[in-house]
Amino acid sequence: MKIFRATENVFNAVDAVVKHGFAAVDGTKSEAVPFCNRIIAALEPYNEIEPIIGYENVPNQGYLYYVFDSQKFPCGDKHLKDKIHEVDRANPV
């Protein structure tokens, strides 16, 4: 899985949330959070998905913002944290 950039098509990130339960987003807070909000807005037609923005410190990127489905991963879920770290490892800086 890839890390999305705020300049990318938001629907690619939406597809990741639908398929994997989350989408990691690169960038500073001022870049990443608005993109995360666009992902959440685009997920509105999916009644079964409850999107939330998260933040995780990671070794390679330093930090990642992400949108996750709280129906699939509860807040603080270790499995989700492991997935975020896996995405970070797979996408070196």
Protein backbone atom coordinates (compact mmCIF):
# COMPACT_ATOMS: atom_id res chain seq x y z
CA MET A 1 0.00 0.00 0.00
CA LYS A 2 1.16 3.52 -0.71
CA ILE A 3 1.22 6.81 1.13
CA PHE A 4 -1.00 9.39 -0.54
CA ARG A 5 0.07 12.98 -1.22
CA ALA A 6 -2.31 15.92 -0.89
CA THR A 7 -1.85 16.64 -4.60
CA GLU A 8 -3.23 13.25 -5.66
CA ASN A 9 -6.73 12.30 -6.68
CA VAL A 10 -8.74 12.00 -3.49
CA PHE A 11 -10.72 9.05 -4.85
CA ASN A 12 -7.61 6.84 -4.88
CA ALA A 13 -7.38 7.39 -1.13
CA VAL A 14 -11.12 6.76 -0.76
CA ASP A 15 -10.67 3.43 -2.52
CA ALA A 16 -7.91 2.54 -0.04
CA VAL A 17 -10.18 3.27 2.93
CA VAL A 18 -12.95 1.17 1.40
CA LYS A 19 -10.59 -1.72 0.57
CA HIS A 20 -8.10 -1.66 3.47
CA GLY A 21 -9.89 0.33 6.16
CA PHE A 22 -7.40 3.22 6.08
CA ALA A 23 -5.39 5.57 3.87
CA ALA A 24 -2.08 7.09 4.99
CA VAL A 25 -1.39 10.69 3.96
CA ASP A 26 2.01 12.39 3.73
CA GLY A 27 2.64 16.03 4.50
CA THR A 28 2.52 18.62 7.20
CA LYS A 29 -0.64 19.23 9.18
CA SER A 30 -1.59 22.15 6.92
CA GLU A 31 -1.37 19.87 3.84
CA ALA A 32 -2.49 16.51 5.19
CA VAL A 33 -5.49 17.44 7.34
CA PRO A 34 -7.39 19.26 4.55
CA PHE A 35 -6.74 16.25 2.27
CA CYS A 36 -7.98 13.93 5.03
CA ASN A 37 -11.12 16.06 5.32
CA ARG A 38 -11.62 15.73 1.54
CA ILE A 39 -11.32 11.93 1.91
CA ILE A 40 -13.94 11.97 4.66
CA ALA A 41 -16.28 14.11 2.55
CA ALA A 42 -15.86 11.75 -0.41
CA LEU A 43 -16.66 8.77 1.86
CA GLU A 44 -20.05 10.24 2.79
CA PRO A 45 -22.03 7.94 0.44
CA TYR A 46 -20.58 4.89 2.23
CA ASN A 47 -23.01 4.53 5.14
CA GLU A 48 -21.14 1.54 6.56
CA ILE A 49 -17.86 3.48 6.95
CA GLU A 50 -17.25 5.81 9.91
CA PRO A 51 -14.10 7.74 8.92
CA ILE A 52 -11.83 9.39 11.49
CA ILE A 53 -8.52 11.22 11.09
CA GLY A 54 -5.56 9.74 12.96
CA TYR A 55 -1.91 10.62 13.49
CA GLU A 56 1.05 8.33 14.12
CA ASN A 57 4.75 8.92 14.70
CA VAL A 58 6.67 6.55 12.41
CA PRO A 59 10.40 5.88 11.87
CA ASN A 60 10.82 6.68 8.14
CA GLN A 61 8.44 9.54 7.45
CA GLY A 62 8.62 10.97 10.98
CA TYR A 63 4.83 11.06 11.18
CA LEU A 64 1.79 10.22 9.10
CA TYR A 65 -1.77 11.42 9.15
CA TYR A 66 -4.36 8.90 8.08
CA VAL A 67 -8.08 8.36 7.64
CA PHE A 68 -9.42 5.12 9.05
CA ASP A 69 -12.76 3.36 9.29
CA SER A 70 -13.67 3.25 12.98
CA GLN A 71 -16.14 0.44 12.22
CA LYS A 72 -13.19 -1.71 11.15
CA PHE A 73 -10.52 -0.40 13.55
CA PRO A 74 -11.48 1.00 16.96
CA CYS A 75 -9.50 4.03 18.21
CA GLY A 76 -6.12 2.95 19.50
CA ASP A 77 -6.24 -0.41 17.70
CA LYS A 78 -2.82 -2.11 17.72
CA HIS A 79 -3.50 -3.83 14.38
CA LEU A 80 -4.12 -0.44 12.74
CA LYS A 81 -0.93 0.98 14.29
CA ASP A 82 0.98 -2.01 12.91
CA LYS A 83 -0.52 -1.39 9.45
CA ILE A 84 0.52 2.29 9.53
CA HIS A 85 4.07 1.29 10.47
CA GLU A 86 4.05 -1.33 7.69
CA VAL A 87 3.09 1.35 5.14
CA ASP A 88 5.86 3.56 6.48
CA ARG A 89 8.44 0.77 6.09
CA ALA A 90 7.25 0.03 2.55
CA ASN A 91 7.63 3.69 1.49
CA PRO A 92 11.12 4.94 2.36
CA VAL A 93 11.73 8.68 2.23
